[in-house]
């Protein structure tokens, strides 16, 4: 892989750049994304699966990587072709409805579309057979503190690496597993369909994301992972059902992690591609990564013994 390592190194340097931190950096961040899109010719000679090292091939969970991506239902794939009617997204100001109204027909829970305010959304629901809310919380810690293969097995074709900046906190066994990622930054390189690019993902306490405290860690919302980023912020909610859990994933495209540590609305006209293109890409990518995670999480968690 003579071309991969220099490019990956450059992406890592870009990921750590302060250009992605806060509203003051949104324009600079978008400009940098444009430059990275142009740089993606470096990756055109790669095989379908992102290459691994010989050391990674010796890891017990390498078997999950080499099986690639599972099939996705034709129904979900069809929804990636056409956006939903404008106005079917959950307004960010009414984000509590993401928890309170999971079956409300006014909202779209699988698909993507635009909002009247110029932002957009992507939404997905995934059944995890045998899964538990604790397994989902464990995953978001485990994937960011070890070999790159951990993050890569989530989507072997599109995920390059993920590193948690606050490693000591992530490994602190005195904290509940869900709290180990609160107020941490994950340096990520992934391809959502627009080419490999770096993203700083800020894992937040759901209260600080803006959810009501009385809605969390109860029936219907046994786990909630809240992430601020650019150009979208996302939540993954786990709710118990017969035989496992359903994970609801929801992306608010155009709502970003601000310099004040809060989620802010950005000027979507400054994005390097139309907001609906980003929403479609996020929906299609989430179908792939969550289908894979649903396939492997229960067995992986058991084999790792819930250890980080």
Protein backbone atom coordinates (compact mmCIF):
# COMPACT_ATOMS: atom_id res chain seq x y z
CA UNK A 1 0.00 0.00 0.00
CA UNK A 2 2.64 2.58 -0.94
CA UNK A 3 0.08 5.35 -1.50
CA UNK A 4 -2.09 4.74 1.54
CA UNK A 5 0.21 5.52 4.43
CA UNK A 6 1.36 9.02 3.32
CA UNK A 7 -2.22 9.96 2.52
CA UNK A 8 -3.47 8.55 5.80
CA UNK A 9 -0.79 10.48 7.66
CA UNK A 10 -1.83 13.71 5.97
CA UNK A 11 -5.46 13.04 6.84
CA UNK A 12 -4.54 12.46 10.47
CA UNK A 13 -2.76 15.80 10.60
CA UNK A 14 -5.80 17.48 9.11
CA UNK A 15 -8.11 15.74 11.54
CA UNK A 16 -6.19 17.10 14.51
CA UNK A 17 -6.33 20.62 13.09
CA UNK A 18 -8.22 23.22 15.10
CA UNK A 19 -9.92 24.24 11.85
CA UNK A 20 -12.66 21.80 12.75
CA UNK A 21 -13.24 23.22 16.23
CA UNK A 22 -16.16 25.56 16.73
CA UNK A 23 -18.28 27.85 14.60
CA UNK A 24 -15.31 30.09 13.84
CA UNK A 25 -13.74 27.13 12.11
CA UNK A 26 -16.73 25.96 10.06
CA UNK A 27 -15.78 27.88 6.90
CA UNK A 28 -12.16 26.80 7.19
CA UNK A 29 -13.33 23.25 7.83
CA UNK A 30 -15.50 23.27 4.71
CA UNK A 31 -12.62 24.62 2.63
CA UNK A 32 -10.42 21.85 3.95
CA UNK A 33 -13.05 19.26 3.07
CA UNK A 34 -13.07 20.58 -0.51
CA UNK A 35 -9.31 20.12 -0.67
CA UNK A 36 -9.59 16.59 0.69
CA UNK A 37 -12.22 15.65 -1.88
CA UNK A 38 -9.71 16.63 -4.57
CA UNK A 39 -7.05 14.55 -2.81
CA UNK A 40 -9.07 11.36 -2.99
CA UNK A 41 -7.39 10.22 -6.21
CA UNK A 42 -4.77 8.79 -3.86
CA UNK A 43 -7.25 6.10 -2.88
CA UNK A 44 -8.53 5.04 -6.29
CA UNK A 45 -6.11 2.12 -6.60
CA UNK A 46 -7.11 0.57 -3.28
CA UNK A 47 -8.93 -2.75 -3.07
CA UNK A 48 -12.57 -2.83 -2.00
CA UNK A 49 -11.70 -3.67 1.61
CA UNK A 50 -9.45 -1.13 3.29
CA UNK A 51 -6.03 -2.82 3.69
CA UNK A 52 -4.94 -4.18 7.05
CA UNK A 53 -1.52 -4.98 8.50
CA UNK A 54 -0.09 -8.43 9.17
CA UNK A 55 -0.34 -7.77 12.91
CA UNK A 56 -4.05 -6.94 12.57
CA UNK A 57 -4.65 -10.21 10.75
CA UNK A 58 -3.56 -12.04 13.92
CA UNK A 59 -6.25 -10.41 16.06
CA UNK A 60 -9.17 -12.58 17.11
CA UNK A 61 -11.75 -10.20 15.66
CA UNK A 62 -10.10 -10.02 12.22
CA UNK A 63 -12.65 -12.63 11.10
CA UNK A 64 -15.38 -10.01 11.33
CA UNK A 65 -13.47 -7.68 9.04
CA UNK A 66 -12.78 -10.22 6.30
CA UNK A 67 -16.45 -11.16 5.88
CA UNK A 68 -17.11 -7.67 4.50
CA UNK A 69 -20.51 -6.01 4.57
CA UNK A 70 -23.82 -7.86 4.90
CA UNK A 71 -26.72 -7.46 2.51
CA UNK A 72 -29.09 -4.56 3.11
CA UNK A 73 -32.82 -4.86 2.56
CA UNK A 74 -34.12 -3.77 -0.83
CA UNK A 75 -36.70 -1.59 0.91
CA UNK A 76 -34.05 0.44 2.72
CA UNK A 77 -31.90 0.72 -0.38
CA UNK A 78 -34.87 2.01 -2.37
CA UNK A 79 -35.30 4.84 0.13
CA UNK A 80 -31.78 6.00 -0.70
CA UNK A 81 -32.86 6.93 -4.21
CA UNK A 82 -35.40 9.66 -3.44
CA UNK A 83 -35.61 12.17 -0.59
CA UNK A 84 -38.68 12.30 1.61
CA UNK A 85 -41.05 15.27 1.25
CA UNK A 86 -39.77 18.48 2.86
CA UNK A 87 -40.89 18.80 6.46
CA UNK A 88 -40.79 15.16 7.58
CA UNK A 89 -37.64 15.65 9.63
CA UNK A 90 -37.60 16.08 13.40
CA UNK A 91 -36.75 19.77 14.01
CA UNK A 92 -33.64 20.09 16.13
CA UNK A 93 -35.56 22.32 18.53
CA UNK A 94 -37.98 19.41 19.05
CA UNK A 95 -35.29 16.76 19.39
CA UNK A 96 -37.06 15.24 22.41
CA UNK A 97 -39.57 13.82 19.91
CA UNK A 98 -36.76 11.52 18.77
CA UNK A 99 -37.27 9.79 22.11
CA UNK A 100 -40.94 10.48 22.78
CA UNK A 101 -42.47 9.68 19.41
CA UNK A 102 -40.59 6.79 17.77
CA UNK A 103 -43.61 5.68 15.77
CA UNK A 104 -45.06 9.06 14.83
CA UNK A 105 -46.06 9.00 11.16
CA UNK A 106 -45.39 12.72 10.74
CA UNK A 107 -41.67 12.01 11.03
CA UNK A 108 -39.34 9.99 8.85
CA UNK A 109 -37.38 7.35 10.76
CA UNK A 110 -35.84 5.56 7.77
CA UNK A 111 -34.72 7.75 4.89
CA UNK A 112 -33.44 11.27 4.28
CA UNK A 113 -34.74 14.69 3.28
CA UNK A 114 -34.57 18.44 3.66
CA UNK A 115 -36.01 20.69 6.35
CA UNK A 116 -37.78 24.01 5.75
CA UNK A 117 -34.91 25.90 7.44
CA UNK A 118 -32.33 24.80 4.84
CA UNK A 119 -30.89 21.95 6.91
CA UNK A 120 -31.46 18.25 6.27
CA UNK A 121 -31.67 14.91 8.06
CA UNK A 122 -30.90 11.23 7.67
CA UNK A 123 -32.55 8.53 9.75
CA UNK A 124 -32.29 4.78 10.15
CA UNK A 125 -33.56 1.99 12.40
CA UNK A 126 -31.59 -1.23 12.88
CA UNK A 127 -32.49 -4.38 14.80
CA UNK A 128 -29.59 -5.91 16.75
CA UNK A 129 -30.39 -9.57 17.49
CA UNK A 130 -29.32 -10.43 21.02
CA UNK A 131 -28.07 -6.90 21.56
CA UNK A 132 -28.30 -4.85 24.74
CA UNK A 133 -27.98 -1.12 25.42
CA UNK A 134 -24.77 -1.80 27.36
CA UNK A 135 -23.22 -3.44 24.31
CA UNK A 136 -23.84 -0.32 22.22
CA UNK A 137 -22.24 1.91 24.87
CA UNK A 138 -19.29 -0.48 25.15
CA UNK A 139 -18.79 -0.41 21.38
CA UNK A 140 -18.27 3.34 21.19
CA UNK A 141 -15.49 3.09 23.78
CA UNK A 142 -13.87 -0.11 22.49
CA UNK A 143 -13.61 0.95 18.85
CA UNK A 144 -11.57 4.06 19.62
CA UNK A 145 -8.80 2.85 21.94
CA UNK A 146 -7.11 -0.07 20.20
CA UNK A 147 -5.81 -1.07 16.76
CA UNK A 148 -7.31 0.63 13.71
CA UNK A 149 -8.95 -2.68 12.83
CA UNK A 150 -11.49 -2.15 15.62
CA UNK A 151 -13.08 0.80 13.87
CA UNK A 152 -12.48 -0.72 10.44
CA UNK A 153 -14.48 -3.87 11.13
CA UNK A 154 -17.56 -1.66 11.64
CA UNK A 155 -17.44 -0.92 7.90
CA UNK A 156 -14.47 -2.62 6.22
CA UNK A 157 -14.92 -0.65 3.01
CA UNK A 158 -15.33 2.88 4.39
CA UNK A 159 -13.84 3.19 7.89
CA UNK A 160 -10.13 3.96 8.18
CA UNK A 161 -9.47 4.67 11.86
CA UNK A 162 -10.87 6.25 15.02
CA UNK A 163 -8.87 7.40 18.03
CA UNK A 164 -10.21 8.78 21.29
CA UNK A 165 -8.12 11.74 22.43
CA UNK A 166 -8.92 11.21 26.12
CA UNK A 167 -7.73 7.60 26.35
CA UNK A 168 -7.29 7.61 30.14
CA UNK A 169 -10.91 8.58 30.62
CA UNK A 170 -12.06 5.92 28.18
CA UNK A 171 -10.16 3.28 30.18
CA UNK A 172 -11.28 4.54 33.61
CA UNK A 173 -13.14 1.58 35.11
CA UNK A 174 -14.42 3.71 37.99
CA UNK A 175 -16.83 5.38 35.55
CA UNK A 176 -19.98 3.80 34.11
CA UNK A 177 -19.31 2.71 30.54
CA UNK A 178 -21.64 5.34 29.05
CA UNK A 179 -19.86 8.17 30.86
CA UNK A 180 -16.40 7.21 29.64
CA UNK A 181 -17.05 8.84 26.27
CA UNK A 182 -18.82 11.95 27.53
CA UNK A 183 -16.84 15.09 26.68
CA UNK A 184 -14.35 13.17 24.56
CA UNK A 185 -13.18 13.82 21.01
CA UNK A 186 -12.77 11.02 18.50
CA UNK A 187 -10.41 11.67 15.59
CA UNK A 188 -11.96 9.77 12.70
CA UNK A 189 -11.26 9.20 9.02
CA UNK A 190 -14.09 7.62 7.08
CA UNK A 191 -15.74 7.70 3.67
CA UNK A 192 -19.49 8.31 3.70
CA UNK A 193 -19.59 8.21 -0.09
CA UNK A 194 -17.90 11.56 -0.79
CA UNK A 195 -14.35 10.27 -0.42
CA UNK A 196 -12.20 9.65 2.69
CA UNK A 197 -12.10 12.68 4.95
CA UNK A 198 -11.29 13.54 8.56
CA UNK A 199 -13.94 14.39 11.12
CA UNK A 200 -13.69 15.39 14.76
CA UNK A 201 -16.59 13.75 16.61
CA UNK A 202 -17.43 15.24 20.00
CA UNK A 203 -19.23 12.75 22.23
CA UNK A 204 -21.49 14.68 24.56
CA UNK A 205 -23.50 14.15 27.69
CA UNK A 206 -27.05 13.89 26.25
CA UNK A 207 -28.20 16.61 28.67
CA UNK A 208 -25.66 18.99 27.14
CA UNK A 209 -26.80 17.94 23.67
CA UNK A 210 -30.16 19.31 24.74
CA UNK A 211 -32.33 16.35 25.76
CA UNK A 212 -34.60 16.41 28.80
CA UNK A 213 -33.11 14.47 31.70
CA UNK A 214 -36.34 12.68 32.58
CA UNK A 215 -36.47 11.02 29.15
CA UNK A 216 -33.19 9.16 29.38
CA UNK A 217 -32.27 5.65 30.57
CA UNK A 218 -35.85 4.51 30.88
CA UNK A 219 -38.15 2.28 28.86
CA UNK A 220 -37.95 3.26 25.21
CA UNK A 221 -34.57 4.96 25.64
CA UNK A 222 -32.30 2.63 27.56
CA UNK A 223 -29.22 4.17 25.96
CA UNK A 224 -28.47 7.36 24.06
CA UNK A 225 -25.16 8.25 22.38
CA UNK A 226 -25.02 11.95 21.38
CA UNK A 227 -22.34 13.24 19.02
CA UNK A 228 -21.61 16.73 17.75
CA UNK A 229 -19.62 17.16 14.56
CA UNK A 230 -19.32 18.97 11.23
CA UNK A 231 -21.34 19.04 8.99
CA UNK A 232 -23.84 17.05 11.05
CA UNK A 233 -24.62 15.95 14.58
CA UNK A 234 -26.05 12.52 15.33
CA UNK A 235 -27.69 10.46 18.04
CA UNK A 236 -27.94 6.70 18.38
CA UNK A 237 -30.73 5.54 20.70
CA UNK A 238 -31.09 1.94 21.88
CA UNK A 239 -34.46 0.60 22.98
CA UNK A 240 -35.16 -2.90 24.16
CA UNK A 241 -37.46 -5.12 22.09
CA UNK A 242 -38.12 -8.84 22.05
CA UNK A 243 -34.95 -10.64 21.00
CA UNK A 244 -32.57 -7.70 21.22
CA UNK A 245 -32.56 -3.94 20.69
CA UNK A 246 -33.50 -1.49 17.98
CA UNK A 247 -30.99 1.29 17.40
CA UNK A 248 -32.51 4.49 16.04
CA UNK A 249 -29.89 6.69 14.33
CA UNK A 250 -30.69 10.30 13.51
CA UNK A 251 -28.46 12.88 11.79
CA UNK A 252 -29.24 16.60 11.93
CA UNK A 253 -27.30 17.87 8.90
CA UNK A 254 -26.32 21.52 9.31
CA UNK A 255 -26.34 21.41 13.11
CA UNK A 256 -22.74 21.31 14.28
CA UNK A 257 -20.58 21.29 17.39
CA UNK A 258 -19.91 24.93 18.23
CA UNK A 259 -17.02 26.69 19.91
CA UNK A 260 -19.12 27.05 23.06
CA UNK A 261 -19.52 23.29 23.33
CA UNK A 262 -23.15 23.44 22.21
CA UNK A 263 -24.89 22.36 19.02
CA UNK A 264 -25.35 25.33 16.66
CA UNK A 265 -26.99 25.81 13.27
CA UNK A 266 -24.45 26.56 10.55
CA UNK A 267 -24.88 28.39 7.25
CA UNK A 268 -25.50 25.40 4.99
CA UNK A 269 -24.83 27.52 1.90
CA UNK A 270 -21.15 27.37 2.89
CA UNK A 271 -21.04 23.59 2.60
CA UNK A 272 -18.91 22.26 -0.29
CA UNK A 273 -21.81 20.14 -1.57
CA UNK A 274 -25.58 20.63 -1.29
CA UNK A 275 -27.03 19.71 2.09
CA UNK A 276 -29.32 17.08 0.56
CA UNK A 277 -26.29 15.33 -0.98
CA UNK A 278 -24.71 15.06 2.48
CA UNK A 279 -27.96 13.73 3.94
CA UNK A 280 -28.25 11.08 1.23
CA UNK A 281 -24.63 10.06 1.73
CA UNK A 282 -25.06 9.78 5.51
CA UNK A 283 -28.22 7.69 5.11
CA UNK A 284 -26.57 5.29 2.67
CA UNK A 285 -23.44 5.04 4.80
CA UNK A 286 -25.40 4.43 7.99
CA UNK A 287 -27.26 1.57 6.34
CA UNK A 288 -23.92 -0.12 5.72
CA UNK A 289 -22.21 0.51 9.05
CA UNK A 290 -25.21 -0.31 11.23
CA UNK A 291 -26.04 -3.48 9.30
CA UNK A 292 -22.48 -4.64 9.91
CA UNK A 293 -22.49 -3.68 13.58
CA UNK A 294 -25.80 -5.46 14.12
CA UNK A 295 -24.29 -8.58 12.57
CA UNK A 296 -21.20 -8.72 14.79
CA UNK A 297 -21.81 -6.83 18.05
CA UNK A 298 -23.36 -9.55 20.20
CA UNK A 299 -20.69 -12.14 19.35
CA UNK A 300 -17.86 -9.60 19.53
CA UNK A 301 -18.93 -8.36 22.95
CA UNK A 302 -19.16 -11.92 24.26
CA UNK A 303 -15.75 -12.89 22.88
CA UNK A 304 -14.10 -9.75 24.27
CA UNK A 305 -15.78 -10.36 27.63
CA UNK A 306 -17.01 -6.77 27.72
CA UNK A 307 -13.44 -5.64 28.28
CA UNK A 308 -12.00 -2.52 26.70
